[in-house]
N, C-alpha and C. Protein backbone atom coordinates (compact mmCIF):
# COMPACT_ATOMS: atom_id res chain seq x y z
N MET A 1 -28.27 4.54 2.32
CA MET A 1 -28.28 3.16 1.92
C MET A 1 -27.39 2.39 2.89
N ASN A 2 -27.84 1.21 3.37
CA ASN A 2 -26.99 0.38 4.20
C ASN A 2 -26.45 -0.78 3.38
N MET A 3 -25.64 -1.60 4.01
CA MET A 3 -24.96 -2.69 3.28
C MET A 3 -25.99 -3.72 2.72
N GLN A 4 -27.06 -3.98 3.45
CA GLN A 4 -28.03 -4.92 2.88
C GLN A 4 -28.71 -4.34 1.66
N GLN A 5 -29.07 -3.06 1.70
CA GLN A 5 -29.64 -2.41 0.55
C GLN A 5 -28.68 -2.37 -0.61
N ALA A 6 -27.40 -2.17 -0.31
CA ALA A 6 -26.39 -2.18 -1.37
C ALA A 6 -26.25 -3.59 -1.96
N ALA A 7 -26.33 -4.62 -1.12
CA ALA A 7 -26.26 -5.99 -1.62
C ALA A 7 -27.48 -6.28 -2.48
N ASP A 8 -28.63 -5.78 -2.10
CA ASP A 8 -29.85 -5.98 -2.92
C ASP A 8 -29.68 -5.28 -4.27
N ARG A 9 -29.13 -4.09 -4.26
CA ARG A 9 -28.91 -3.33 -5.48
C ARG A 9 -27.93 -4.09 -6.39
N ALA A 10 -26.86 -4.62 -5.78
CA ALA A 10 -25.86 -5.40 -6.55
C ALA A 10 -26.53 -6.65 -7.15
N ASP A 11 -27.37 -7.34 -6.39
CA ASP A 11 -28.10 -8.48 -6.92
C ASP A 11 -28.99 -8.06 -8.06
N GLY A 12 -29.65 -6.90 -7.96
CA GLY A 12 -30.50 -6.42 -9.06
C GLY A 12 -29.67 -6.16 -10.32
N ILE A 13 -28.52 -5.62 -10.18
CA ILE A 13 -27.63 -5.39 -11.35
C ILE A 13 -27.29 -6.70 -12.00
N LEU A 14 -26.89 -7.68 -11.19
CA LEU A 14 -26.51 -8.98 -11.69
C LEU A 14 -27.69 -9.73 -12.31
N ASP A 15 -28.86 -9.67 -11.64
CA ASP A 15 -30.07 -10.30 -12.19
C ASP A 15 -30.44 -9.74 -13.55
N HIS A 16 -30.37 -8.40 -13.64
CA HIS A 16 -30.70 -7.73 -14.90
C HIS A 16 -29.76 -8.19 -16.05
N LEU A 17 -28.53 -8.15 -15.74
CA LEU A 17 -27.52 -8.54 -16.76
C LEU A 17 -27.73 -10.00 -17.21
N LEU A 18 -27.81 -10.91 -16.26
CA LEU A 18 -27.95 -12.29 -16.65
C LEU A 18 -29.25 -12.59 -17.36
N ALA A 19 -30.28 -11.83 -17.09
CA ALA A 19 -31.57 -12.00 -17.80
C ALA A 19 -31.44 -11.56 -19.25
N GLU A 20 -30.53 -10.62 -19.55
CA GLU A 20 -30.37 -10.12 -20.89
C GLU A 20 -29.50 -11.03 -21.79
N ILE A 21 -28.77 -11.96 -21.17
CA ILE A 21 -27.90 -12.81 -21.96
C ILE A 21 -28.72 -13.88 -22.67
N ARG A 22 -28.72 -13.84 -23.98
CA ARG A 22 -29.46 -14.81 -24.79
C ARG A 22 -28.55 -15.38 -25.87
N PRO A 23 -28.51 -16.67 -26.09
CA PRO A 23 -29.20 -17.67 -25.25
C PRO A 23 -28.70 -17.61 -23.80
N GLU A 24 -29.58 -18.03 -22.89
CA GLU A 24 -29.25 -17.90 -21.50
C GLU A 24 -28.08 -18.80 -21.11
N VAL A 25 -27.43 -18.36 -20.02
CA VAL A 25 -26.33 -19.16 -19.47
C VAL A 25 -26.75 -19.60 -18.05
N ARG A 26 -26.13 -20.61 -17.58
CA ARG A 26 -26.36 -21.13 -16.20
C ARG A 26 -25.30 -20.53 -15.29
N TRP A 27 -25.68 -20.19 -14.07
CA TRP A 27 -24.77 -19.52 -13.16
C TRP A 27 -25.01 -19.97 -11.72
N VAL A 28 -24.01 -19.68 -10.87
CA VAL A 28 -24.11 -19.89 -9.45
C VAL A 28 -23.66 -18.65 -8.72
N HIS A 29 -24.04 -18.50 -7.47
CA HIS A 29 -23.60 -17.40 -6.65
C HIS A 29 -22.13 -17.69 -6.28
N GLY A 30 -21.37 -16.61 -6.28
CA GLY A 30 -20.04 -16.64 -5.71
C GLY A 30 -20.13 -16.11 -4.28
N PRO A 31 -18.98 -16.02 -3.63
CA PRO A 31 -18.98 -15.52 -2.25
C PRO A 31 -19.34 -14.06 -2.15
N THR A 32 -20.08 -13.70 -1.12
CA THR A 32 -20.34 -12.28 -0.76
C THR A 32 -19.26 -11.88 0.20
N THR A 33 -18.68 -10.73 -0.05
CA THR A 33 -17.70 -10.19 0.92
C THR A 33 -18.10 -8.79 1.34
N THR A 34 -17.70 -8.44 2.54
CA THR A 34 -17.96 -7.10 3.06
C THR A 34 -16.66 -6.49 3.52
N GLY A 35 -16.56 -5.18 3.34
CA GLY A 35 -15.40 -4.44 3.84
C GLY A 35 -15.85 -3.58 5.00
N GLY A 36 -15.12 -2.51 5.23
CA GLY A 36 -15.44 -1.62 6.34
C GLY A 36 -16.80 -0.93 6.10
N CYS A 37 -17.13 -0.65 4.84
CA CYS A 37 -18.41 0.04 4.57
C CYS A 37 -18.92 -0.34 3.15
N ASP A 38 -18.46 -1.45 2.59
CA ASP A 38 -18.92 -1.84 1.29
C ASP A 38 -19.21 -3.36 1.23
N VAL A 39 -19.89 -3.71 0.20
CA VAL A 39 -20.27 -5.13 -0.03
C VAL A 39 -20.03 -5.52 -1.48
N THR A 40 -19.65 -6.76 -1.67
CA THR A 40 -19.38 -7.26 -3.05
C THR A 40 -20.21 -8.54 -3.25
N ARG A 41 -20.98 -8.58 -4.33
CA ARG A 41 -21.66 -9.80 -4.74
C ARG A 41 -21.02 -10.34 -5.99
N ARG A 42 -21.01 -11.67 -6.08
CA ARG A 42 -20.35 -12.31 -7.23
C ARG A 42 -21.24 -13.43 -7.79
N ARG A 43 -21.06 -13.65 -9.09
CA ARG A 43 -21.71 -14.80 -9.75
C ARG A 43 -20.70 -15.42 -10.72
N ALA A 44 -20.77 -16.74 -10.82
CA ALA A 44 -19.90 -17.46 -11.76
C ALA A 44 -20.75 -18.16 -12.79
N VAL A 45 -20.38 -18.01 -14.06
CA VAL A 45 -21.14 -18.66 -15.14
C VAL A 45 -20.65 -20.09 -15.25
N MET A 46 -21.59 -21.04 -15.16
CA MET A 46 -21.26 -22.46 -15.26
C MET A 46 -21.43 -22.99 -16.68
N THR A 47 -21.93 -22.16 -17.59
CA THR A 47 -21.99 -22.54 -18.99
C THR A 47 -20.64 -22.33 -19.60
N VAL A 48 -20.16 -23.30 -20.39
CA VAL A 48 -18.92 -23.20 -21.10
C VAL A 48 -19.08 -22.14 -22.18
N VAL A 49 -18.25 -21.09 -22.13
CA VAL A 49 -18.22 -20.07 -23.17
C VAL A 49 -16.90 -20.31 -23.93
N SER A 50 -17.06 -20.82 -25.13
CA SER A 50 -15.86 -21.18 -25.92
C SER A 50 -15.09 -19.93 -26.32
N ALA A 51 -13.79 -20.13 -26.62
CA ALA A 51 -12.97 -19.01 -27.12
C ALA A 51 -13.59 -18.43 -28.36
N GLU A 52 -14.21 -19.22 -29.17
CA GLU A 52 -14.85 -18.75 -30.43
C GLU A 52 -16.07 -17.86 -30.16
N ARG A 53 -16.70 -18.04 -29.03
CA ARG A 53 -17.90 -17.27 -28.67
C ARG A 53 -17.64 -16.17 -27.67
N ARG A 54 -16.44 -16.09 -27.15
CA ARG A 54 -16.09 -15.14 -26.11
C ARG A 54 -16.35 -13.70 -26.55
N GLY A 55 -15.97 -13.38 -27.79
CA GLY A 55 -16.22 -12.00 -28.29
C GLY A 55 -17.68 -11.67 -28.33
N ASN A 56 -18.52 -12.63 -28.74
CA ASN A 56 -19.96 -12.42 -28.76
C ASN A 56 -20.47 -12.13 -27.35
N PHE A 57 -19.96 -12.91 -26.39
CA PHE A 57 -20.40 -12.76 -25.01
C PHE A 57 -20.01 -11.38 -24.44
N LEU A 58 -18.76 -11.03 -24.65
CA LEU A 58 -18.28 -9.75 -24.14
C LEU A 58 -19.03 -8.58 -24.83
N GLY A 59 -19.29 -8.70 -26.13
CA GLY A 59 -20.01 -7.64 -26.84
C GLY A 59 -21.43 -7.49 -26.29
N LEU A 60 -22.08 -8.61 -25.99
CA LEU A 60 -23.44 -8.56 -25.45
C LEU A 60 -23.44 -7.85 -24.09
N VAL A 61 -22.49 -8.19 -23.24
CA VAL A 61 -22.39 -7.55 -21.92
C VAL A 61 -22.10 -6.09 -22.09
N GLU A 62 -21.16 -5.73 -22.95
CA GLU A 62 -20.82 -4.32 -23.17
C GLU A 62 -22.03 -3.51 -23.65
N ARG A 63 -22.78 -4.03 -24.58
CA ARG A 63 -24.00 -3.35 -25.04
C ARG A 63 -25.02 -3.19 -23.92
N SER A 64 -25.17 -4.15 -23.06
CA SER A 64 -26.10 -4.08 -21.92
C SER A 64 -25.66 -3.00 -20.98
N TRP A 65 -24.39 -2.98 -20.69
CA TRP A 65 -23.89 -1.97 -19.74
C TRP A 65 -24.01 -0.57 -20.31
N ARG A 66 -23.68 -0.40 -21.59
CA ARG A 66 -23.82 0.92 -22.22
C ARG A 66 -25.30 1.37 -22.21
N ALA A 67 -26.20 0.47 -22.53
CA ALA A 67 -27.60 0.80 -22.53
C ALA A 67 -28.08 1.19 -21.13
N SER A 68 -27.45 0.67 -20.12
CA SER A 68 -27.78 1.00 -18.73
C SER A 68 -27.11 2.27 -18.22
N GLY A 69 -26.28 2.86 -19.09
CA GLY A 69 -25.61 4.12 -18.69
C GLY A 69 -24.31 3.97 -17.92
N TYR A 70 -23.74 2.77 -17.90
CA TYR A 70 -22.51 2.52 -17.16
C TYR A 70 -21.34 3.21 -17.85
N ARG A 71 -20.40 3.71 -17.08
CA ARG A 71 -19.19 4.33 -17.57
C ARG A 71 -18.06 3.31 -17.52
N PHE A 72 -17.43 3.02 -18.65
CA PHE A 72 -16.36 2.05 -18.72
C PHE A 72 -15.07 2.66 -18.14
N GLU A 73 -14.43 1.90 -17.29
CA GLU A 73 -13.23 2.38 -16.62
C GLU A 73 -11.96 1.64 -17.05
N SER A 74 -12.08 0.37 -17.42
CA SER A 74 -10.88 -0.37 -17.78
C SER A 74 -11.29 -1.59 -18.62
N VAL A 75 -10.47 -1.91 -19.60
CA VAL A 75 -10.65 -3.09 -20.45
C VAL A 75 -9.33 -3.80 -20.60
N ASN A 76 -9.34 -5.09 -20.35
CA ASN A 76 -8.16 -5.93 -20.57
C ASN A 76 -8.48 -6.77 -21.79
N ASN A 77 -7.78 -6.57 -22.92
CA ASN A 77 -8.05 -7.27 -24.15
C ASN A 77 -7.27 -8.55 -24.32
N ASP A 78 -6.71 -9.08 -23.26
CA ASP A 78 -5.97 -10.34 -23.33
C ASP A 78 -6.87 -11.40 -23.91
N PRO A 79 -6.44 -12.09 -24.99
CA PRO A 79 -7.33 -13.09 -25.61
C PRO A 79 -7.70 -14.26 -24.69
N GLU A 80 -6.82 -14.60 -23.77
CA GLU A 80 -7.06 -15.75 -22.86
C GLU A 80 -7.87 -15.37 -21.64
N ALA A 81 -7.64 -14.14 -21.15
CA ALA A 81 -8.27 -13.72 -19.88
C ALA A 81 -8.75 -12.28 -19.99
N PRO A 82 -9.71 -12.00 -20.88
CA PRO A 82 -10.19 -10.63 -20.98
C PRO A 82 -10.97 -10.22 -19.73
N ALA A 83 -11.07 -8.92 -19.52
CA ALA A 83 -11.79 -8.36 -18.39
C ALA A 83 -12.29 -7.01 -18.76
N VAL A 84 -13.48 -6.64 -18.19
CA VAL A 84 -14.07 -5.33 -18.45
C VAL A 84 -14.57 -4.85 -17.12
N PHE A 85 -14.30 -3.55 -16.84
CA PHE A 85 -14.76 -2.96 -15.58
C PHE A 85 -15.47 -1.66 -15.88
N ALA A 86 -16.58 -1.41 -15.18
CA ALA A 86 -17.37 -0.19 -15.45
C ALA A 86 -17.95 0.28 -14.14
N ARG A 87 -18.63 1.42 -14.17
CA ARG A 87 -19.26 1.98 -12.98
C ARG A 87 -20.64 2.43 -13.33
N THR A 88 -21.61 2.14 -12.43
CA THR A 88 -22.99 2.57 -12.63
C THR A 88 -23.09 4.04 -12.27
N GLU A 89 -24.21 4.62 -12.64
CA GLU A 89 -24.42 6.04 -12.36
C GLU A 89 -24.50 6.32 -10.86
N ASP A 90 -24.89 5.30 -10.05
CA ASP A 90 -24.96 5.47 -8.62
C ASP A 90 -23.73 4.94 -7.85
N GLY A 91 -22.64 4.72 -8.60
CA GLY A 91 -21.35 4.45 -7.99
C GLY A 91 -20.99 3.00 -7.73
N PHE A 92 -21.77 2.07 -8.24
CA PHE A 92 -21.44 0.65 -8.09
C PHE A 92 -20.44 0.23 -9.15
N GLY A 93 -19.38 -0.49 -8.76
CA GLY A 93 -18.40 -0.99 -9.70
C GLY A 93 -18.89 -2.35 -10.21
N VAL A 94 -18.86 -2.56 -11.53
CA VAL A 94 -19.23 -3.82 -12.11
C VAL A 94 -18.06 -4.38 -12.88
N GLY A 95 -17.90 -5.65 -12.82
CA GLY A 95 -16.78 -6.26 -13.52
C GLY A 95 -17.10 -7.59 -14.12
N LEU A 96 -16.46 -7.91 -15.23
CA LEU A 96 -16.55 -9.20 -15.87
C LEU A 96 -15.11 -9.64 -16.08
N VAL A 97 -14.80 -10.83 -15.61
CA VAL A 97 -13.46 -11.39 -15.77
C VAL A 97 -13.61 -12.80 -16.33
N VAL A 98 -12.82 -13.11 -17.35
CA VAL A 98 -12.80 -14.46 -17.89
C VAL A 98 -11.59 -15.17 -17.29
N GLY A 99 -11.84 -16.26 -16.60
CA GLY A 99 -10.80 -17.00 -15.95
C GLY A 99 -10.43 -18.29 -16.65
N GLY A 100 -9.90 -19.23 -15.94
CA GLY A 100 -9.44 -20.50 -16.48
C GLY A 100 -10.53 -21.25 -17.19
N GLU A 101 -10.17 -21.87 -18.30
CA GLU A 101 -11.08 -22.64 -19.13
C GLU A 101 -12.23 -21.79 -19.66
N GLY A 102 -12.00 -20.48 -19.70
CA GLY A 102 -13.02 -19.56 -20.26
C GLY A 102 -14.17 -19.28 -19.33
N GLN A 103 -14.04 -19.62 -18.06
CA GLN A 103 -15.18 -19.35 -17.10
C GLN A 103 -15.33 -17.87 -16.88
N VAL A 104 -16.57 -17.39 -16.94
CA VAL A 104 -16.88 -16.02 -16.79
C VAL A 104 -17.34 -15.73 -15.36
N PHE A 105 -16.77 -14.68 -14.77
CA PHE A 105 -17.14 -14.27 -13.43
C PHE A 105 -17.63 -12.83 -13.48
N PHE A 106 -18.73 -12.54 -12.77
CA PHE A 106 -19.28 -11.20 -12.66
C PHE A 106 -19.12 -10.80 -11.17
N GLU A 107 -18.85 -9.51 -10.97
CA GLU A 107 -18.69 -8.98 -9.64
C GLU A 107 -19.29 -7.55 -9.61
N VAL A 108 -20.01 -7.27 -8.53
CA VAL A 108 -20.51 -5.89 -8.32
C VAL A 108 -20.10 -5.45 -6.93
N ASP A 109 -19.40 -4.30 -6.88
CA ASP A 109 -18.90 -3.72 -5.65
C ASP A 109 -19.69 -2.45 -5.33
N SER A 110 -20.18 -2.35 -4.10
CA SER A 110 -20.94 -1.15 -3.72
C SER A 110 -19.98 0.00 -3.38
N PRO A 111 -20.49 1.22 -3.44
CA PRO A 111 -19.73 2.31 -2.82
C PRO A 111 -19.80 2.17 -1.30
N CYS A 112 -19.15 3.07 -0.61
CA CYS A 112 -19.21 3.04 0.85
C CYS A 112 -20.61 3.42 1.32
N VAL A 113 -21.19 2.56 2.14
CA VAL A 113 -22.56 2.76 2.65
C VAL A 113 -22.57 2.57 4.20
N GLU A 114 -23.75 2.72 4.77
CA GLU A 114 -23.92 2.54 6.17
C GLU A 114 -23.70 1.07 6.53
N VAL A 115 -22.93 0.79 7.58
CA VAL A 115 -22.67 -0.59 7.97
C VAL A 115 -23.93 -1.26 8.50
N SER A 116 -24.12 -2.51 8.04
CA SER A 116 -25.25 -3.31 8.53
C SER A 116 -24.93 -4.79 8.26
N GLU A 117 -25.76 -5.64 8.77
CA GLU A 117 -25.65 -7.06 8.45
C GLU A 117 -26.04 -7.26 6.99
N VAL A 118 -25.52 -8.33 6.37
CA VAL A 118 -25.83 -8.65 5.00
C VAL A 118 -26.26 -10.12 4.88
N ALA A 119 -27.48 -10.31 4.39
CA ALA A 119 -28.02 -11.68 4.21
C ALA A 119 -27.52 -12.30 2.93
N ASP A 120 -27.65 -13.56 2.77
CA ASP A 120 -27.33 -14.22 1.54
C ASP A 120 -28.25 -13.77 0.42
N PRO A 121 -27.81 -13.86 -0.79
CA PRO A 121 -28.67 -13.49 -1.92
C PRO A 121 -29.96 -14.32 -1.94
N THR A 122 -31.04 -13.71 -2.43
CA THR A 122 -32.32 -14.45 -2.49
C THR A 122 -32.62 -14.97 -3.87
N SER A 123 -31.97 -14.47 -4.91
CA SER A 123 -32.23 -14.98 -6.25
C SER A 123 -31.70 -16.39 -6.36
N ARG A 124 -32.42 -17.22 -7.13
CA ARG A 124 -32.10 -18.60 -7.27
C ARG A 124 -31.07 -18.78 -8.39
N ALA A 125 -30.00 -19.47 -8.06
CA ALA A 125 -28.99 -19.79 -9.08
C ALA A 125 -29.63 -20.73 -10.11
N THR A 126 -29.12 -20.68 -11.34
CA THR A 126 -29.71 -21.51 -12.39
C THR A 126 -28.87 -22.76 -12.68
N ALA A 127 -27.79 -22.91 -11.92
CA ALA A 127 -26.97 -24.14 -11.98
C ALA A 127 -26.80 -24.60 -10.53
N ALA A 128 -26.49 -25.86 -10.38
CA ALA A 128 -26.31 -26.40 -9.03
C ALA A 128 -24.84 -26.76 -8.80
N LEU A 129 -24.45 -26.57 -7.56
CA LEU A 129 -23.10 -27.02 -7.14
C LEU A 129 -23.28 -28.38 -6.49
N ASP A 130 -22.26 -29.20 -6.68
CA ASP A 130 -22.29 -30.52 -6.04
C ASP A 130 -22.26 -30.33 -4.54
N ALA A 131 -23.01 -31.17 -3.83
CA ALA A 131 -23.00 -31.13 -2.36
C ALA A 131 -21.61 -31.35 -1.87
N GLY A 132 -21.18 -30.52 -0.94
CA GLY A 132 -19.85 -30.65 -0.37
C GLY A 132 -18.74 -30.04 -1.21
N ALA A 133 -19.12 -29.41 -2.33
CA ALA A 133 -18.08 -28.81 -3.16
C ALA A 133 -17.42 -27.67 -2.42
N GLU A 134 -16.08 -27.60 -2.52
CA GLU A 134 -15.36 -26.51 -1.95
C GLU A 134 -15.00 -25.55 -3.09
N GLY A 135 -15.58 -24.37 -3.05
CA GLY A 135 -15.34 -23.42 -4.11
C GLY A 135 -16.23 -23.71 -5.33
N ILE A 136 -16.01 -22.94 -6.35
CA ILE A 136 -16.79 -23.05 -7.56
C ILE A 136 -15.98 -23.84 -8.61
N PRO A 137 -16.54 -24.94 -9.11
CA PRO A 137 -15.79 -25.74 -10.12
C PRO A 137 -15.76 -25.05 -11.44
N ARG A 138 -15.00 -25.55 -12.35
CA ARG A 138 -14.91 -25.07 -13.71
C ARG A 138 -16.25 -25.23 -14.40
N PRO A 139 -16.51 -24.46 -15.44
CA PRO A 139 -17.82 -24.58 -16.13
C PRO A 139 -17.99 -25.97 -16.70
N ARG A 140 -19.23 -26.46 -16.65
CA ARG A 140 -19.49 -27.83 -17.13
C ARG A 140 -20.81 -27.94 -17.88
N VAL A 141 -21.60 -26.83 -17.95
CA VAL A 141 -22.84 -26.88 -18.65
C VAL A 141 -22.60 -26.51 -20.12
N ARG A 142 -23.08 -27.34 -21.03
CA ARG A 142 -22.89 -27.13 -22.44
C ARG A 142 -24.07 -26.40 -23.06
N SER A 143 -23.75 -25.47 -23.98
CA SER A 143 -24.74 -24.72 -24.69
C SER A 143 -24.49 -24.89 -26.19
N PRO A 144 -25.52 -25.18 -26.98
CA PRO A 144 -25.29 -25.31 -28.43
C PRO A 144 -24.66 -24.05 -29.02
N PHE A 145 -25.01 -22.86 -28.44
CA PHE A 145 -24.46 -21.60 -28.98
C PHE A 145 -23.16 -21.22 -28.26
N TRP A 146 -23.22 -20.98 -26.92
CA TRP A 146 -22.06 -20.45 -26.21
C TRP A 146 -20.88 -21.38 -26.16
N SER A 147 -21.14 -22.68 -26.23
CA SER A 147 -20.04 -23.67 -26.13
C SER A 147 -19.52 -24.12 -27.51
N ALA A 148 -20.09 -23.56 -28.59
CA ALA A 148 -19.73 -24.00 -29.94
C ALA A 148 -18.21 -23.91 -30.14
N GLY A 149 -17.64 -25.00 -30.63
CA GLY A 149 -16.23 -25.03 -30.91
C GLY A 149 -15.36 -25.42 -29.73
N ALA A 150 -15.94 -25.47 -28.53
CA ALA A 150 -15.18 -25.84 -27.34
C ALA A 150 -14.98 -27.35 -27.29
N PRO A 151 -13.86 -27.83 -26.76
CA PRO A 151 -13.70 -29.28 -26.64
C PRO A 151 -14.65 -29.90 -25.65
């Protein structure tokens, strides 16, 4: 497997997970990074996930990962900034981190693979970034379910 194939596999992992989240959330691509022999794909959820719904969200992701055969490696139960890290059967690291204002970030890291060029992701983000935006802004999409109880 080369880095592009690993990036495609990481995108597939993220696509599958985000398709399973119901009600759906809106998301954008985060930066792709490459190391000496690995690649990381990221996505940021732009839907506000309220503190009251965070447990539901984390539980849904955990069930999806368990059903996919992922092995859990680390869990941070901090109520403000929880995080979960797991590994796929083929060695990809997957992570969910809740950041500021409850914004959810997903990351998939490949194992060491053959070095190659890596193209941008081809899947279409379901939220838009403002033209000229530097970085990913805080979540701003409201959901009747996921944002319930959020200011």
